[in-house]
Amino acid sequence: MNQIILASHGELAKGMKDTLNMIIGNTESIKVFSSYRDEETSIRDLIEEVIIENYDINKIYILTDIFGGSVNNEIMDLMKKYSKINLISGMNLPLVISIATTDNISDELLDEFIKDSQSAIINCNKLLNKFIDRKEEDL
């Protein structure tokens, strides 16, 4: 089983989980952490608790909002202690869906998920203009 942790600034991670729940159903096993929400316990400590609970029994995927941000940096620091966690920055919905709906993810498959999620980012204006240009050529 995969343990998925979504961590972000603000409420992005919570919104991602809410949307994921509408698309794939039950997402109880996905943990969400939002930084800078006046918590008494740091996001790092909260995430470390989940890592400790799952480290020897589940594959752990932690997805953060932005590379180089404070949330991502805190978890990168945890990787020194917990080398088996998989940390991916720049989470988007296609990536979260792929990881949440797949068991036994190899490194190669994870790379494929990341590549596919990157290609899901599309400048729709360019796409529409190409379509319009082709239609005009057909006339």
Protein backbone atom coordinates (compact mmCIF):
# COMPACT_ATOMS: atom_id res chain seq x y z
CA MET A 1 0.00 0.00 0.00
CA ASN A 2 1.14 3.54 -0.68
CA GLN A 3 1.08 6.20 2.00
CA ILE A 4 0.50 9.54 0.32
CA ILE A 5 1.17 12.86 1.99
CA LEU A 6 0.17 16.13 0.34
CA ALA A 7 1.91 19.17 1.82
CA SER A 8 1.61 22.78 0.75
CA HIS A 9 1.53 26.41 1.68
CA GLY A 10 -2.00 27.52 2.48
CA GLU A 11 -4.89 25.21 1.62
CA LEU A 12 -3.67 23.82 -1.73
CA ALA A 13 -3.07 20.32 -0.34
CA LYS A 14 -6.52 20.20 1.26
CA GLY A 15 -8.16 21.34 -1.97
CA MET A 16 -6.20 18.73 -3.91
CA LYS A 17 -7.45 15.98 -1.59
CA ASP A 18 -11.04 17.27 -1.73
CA THR A 19 -10.95 17.23 -5.54
CA LEU A 20 -9.28 13.82 -5.60
CA ASN A 21 -12.03 12.48 -3.33
CA MET A 22 -14.67 13.64 -5.85
CA ILE A 23 -12.85 11.89 -8.70
CA ILE A 24 -11.63 8.58 -7.23
CA GLY A 25 -13.68 8.24 -4.06
CA ASN A 26 -12.35 7.34 -0.64
CA THR A 27 -9.09 9.13 0.11
CA GLU A 28 -8.98 8.57 3.87
CA SER A 29 -5.45 7.18 3.71
CA ILE A 30 -4.10 10.37 2.13
CA LYS A 31 -2.71 12.76 4.73
CA VAL A 32 -2.80 16.51 4.18
CA PHE A 33 -0.63 19.18 5.77
CA SER A 34 -0.91 22.91 5.25
CA SER A 35 1.89 25.17 6.36
CA TYR A 36 1.43 28.52 8.05
CA ARG A 37 -1.95 27.78 9.59
CA ASP A 38 -1.02 28.66 13.20
CA GLU A 39 -0.39 25.07 14.23
CA GLU A 40 1.24 24.42 17.56
CA THR A 41 3.25 21.59 16.00
CA SER A 42 5.44 22.27 12.96
CA ILE A 43 4.52 20.75 9.60
CA ARG A 44 7.87 18.96 9.66
CA ASP A 45 7.06 17.23 12.97
CA LEU A 46 3.56 16.28 11.82
CA ILE A 47 4.88 14.76 8.59
CA GLU A 48 7.66 12.97 10.44
CA GLU A 49 5.03 11.28 12.65
CA VAL A 50 3.33 9.85 9.55
CA ILE A 51 6.69 8.77 8.13
CA ILE A 52 7.58 6.95 11.36
CA GLU A 53 4.17 5.19 11.44
CA ASN A 54 4.53 3.97 7.85
CA TYR A 55 8.26 3.75 7.18
CA ASP A 56 8.65 -0.03 7.42
CA ILE A 57 5.24 -1.07 6.09
CA ASN A 58 4.27 1.27 3.26
CA LYS A 59 5.90 3.05 0.37
CA ILE A 60 5.70 6.76 1.20
CA TYR A 61 5.05 9.44 -1.41
CA ILE A 62 5.18 13.05 -0.32
CA LEU A 63 4.00 15.62 -2.84
CA THR A 64 4.65 19.32 -2.25
CA ASP A 65 3.51 22.45 -4.01
CA ILE A 66 6.79 24.04 -5.09
CA PHE A 67 10.45 23.07 -5.27
CA GLY A 68 12.61 25.27 -3.08
CA GLY A 69 9.68 26.39 -0.96
CA SER A 70 9.82 26.08 2.81
CA VAL A 71 7.53 23.03 2.88
CA ASN A 72 9.62 21.16 0.32
CA ASN A 73 12.86 22.18 2.02
CA GLU A 74 11.66 20.86 5.40
CA ILE A 75 10.90 17.48 3.87
CA MET A 76 14.15 17.39 1.91
CA ASP A 77 15.87 17.77 5.26
CA LEU A 78 13.88 14.78 6.57
CA MET A 79 15.18 12.71 3.64
CA LYS A 80 18.59 12.70 5.31
CA LYS A 81 17.03 10.62 8.08
CA TYR A 82 14.45 8.69 6.04
CA SER A 83 16.04 7.82 2.72
CA LYS A 84 13.20 5.59 1.51
CA ILE A 85 10.62 8.36 1.17
CA ASN A 86 9.73 9.60 -2.30
CA LEU A 87 9.49 13.40 -2.44
CA ILE A 88 8.01 15.05 -5.51
CA SER A 89 7.56 18.81 -5.84
CA GLY A 90 5.16 20.61 -8.16
CA MET A 91 2.16 18.39 -7.44
CA ASN A 92 -0.78 18.55 -9.77
CA LEU A 93 -4.01 16.59 -9.94
CA PRO A 94 -2.98 14.16 -12.73
CA LEU A 95 0.12 13.17 -10.74
CA VAL A 96 -1.78 12.71 -7.49
CA ILE A 97 -4.43 10.60 -9.25
CA SER A 98 -1.76 8.37 -10.81
CA ILE A 99 0.01 7.75 -7.52
CA ALA A 100 -3.22 7.32 -5.54
CA THR A 101 -4.64 4.73 -7.93
CA THR A 102 -1.53 2.60 -8.51
CA ASP A 103 0.13 0.04 -6.26
CA ASN A 104 3.72 -1.15 -6.63
CA ILE A 105 5.12 1.93 -8.34
CA SER A 106 8.63 1.38 -9.69
CA ASP A 107 11.07 4.25 -10.08
CA GLU A 108 10.55 4.06 -13.84
CA LEU A 109 6.77 4.21 -13.51
CA LEU A 110 7.04 7.16 -11.11
CA ASP A 111 9.19 8.97 -13.68
CA GLU A 112 6.52 8.22 -16.30
CA PHE A 113 3.80 9.60 -14.02
CA ILE A 114 5.81 12.79 -13.53
CA LYS A 115 6.41 13.16 -17.27
CA ASP A 116 2.72 12.58 -18.02
CA SER A 117 1.65 15.09 -15.39
CA GLN A 118 4.01 17.68 -16.85
CA SER A 119 2.54 17.14 -20.31
CA ALA A 120 -0.93 17.72 -18.84
CA ILE A 121 -0.01 21.38 -18.46
CA ILE A 122 -1.22 22.93 -21.69
CA ASN A 123 -1.40 26.47 -23.01
CA CYS A 124 -4.96 26.26 -24.31
CA ASN A 125 -4.64 29.55 -26.22
CA LYS A 126 -1.88 28.06 -28.37
CA LEU A 127 -3.85 24.87 -28.83
CA LEU A 128 -6.94 26.79 -29.90
CA ASN A 129 -4.93 29.00 -32.27
CA LYS A 130 -3.43 25.90 -33.93
CA PHE A 131 -6.92 24.50 -34.35
CA ILE A 132 -8.20 27.78 -35.83
CA ASP A 133 -5.20 28.02 -38.18
CA ARG A 134 -5.84 24.48 -39.46
CA LYS A 135 -9.52 25.24 -40.03
CA GLU A 136 -8.60 28.35 -42.04
CA GLU A 137 -6.14 26.31 -44.13
CA ASP A 138 -8.93 23.85 -44.93
CA LEU A 139 -11.12 26.64 -46.34
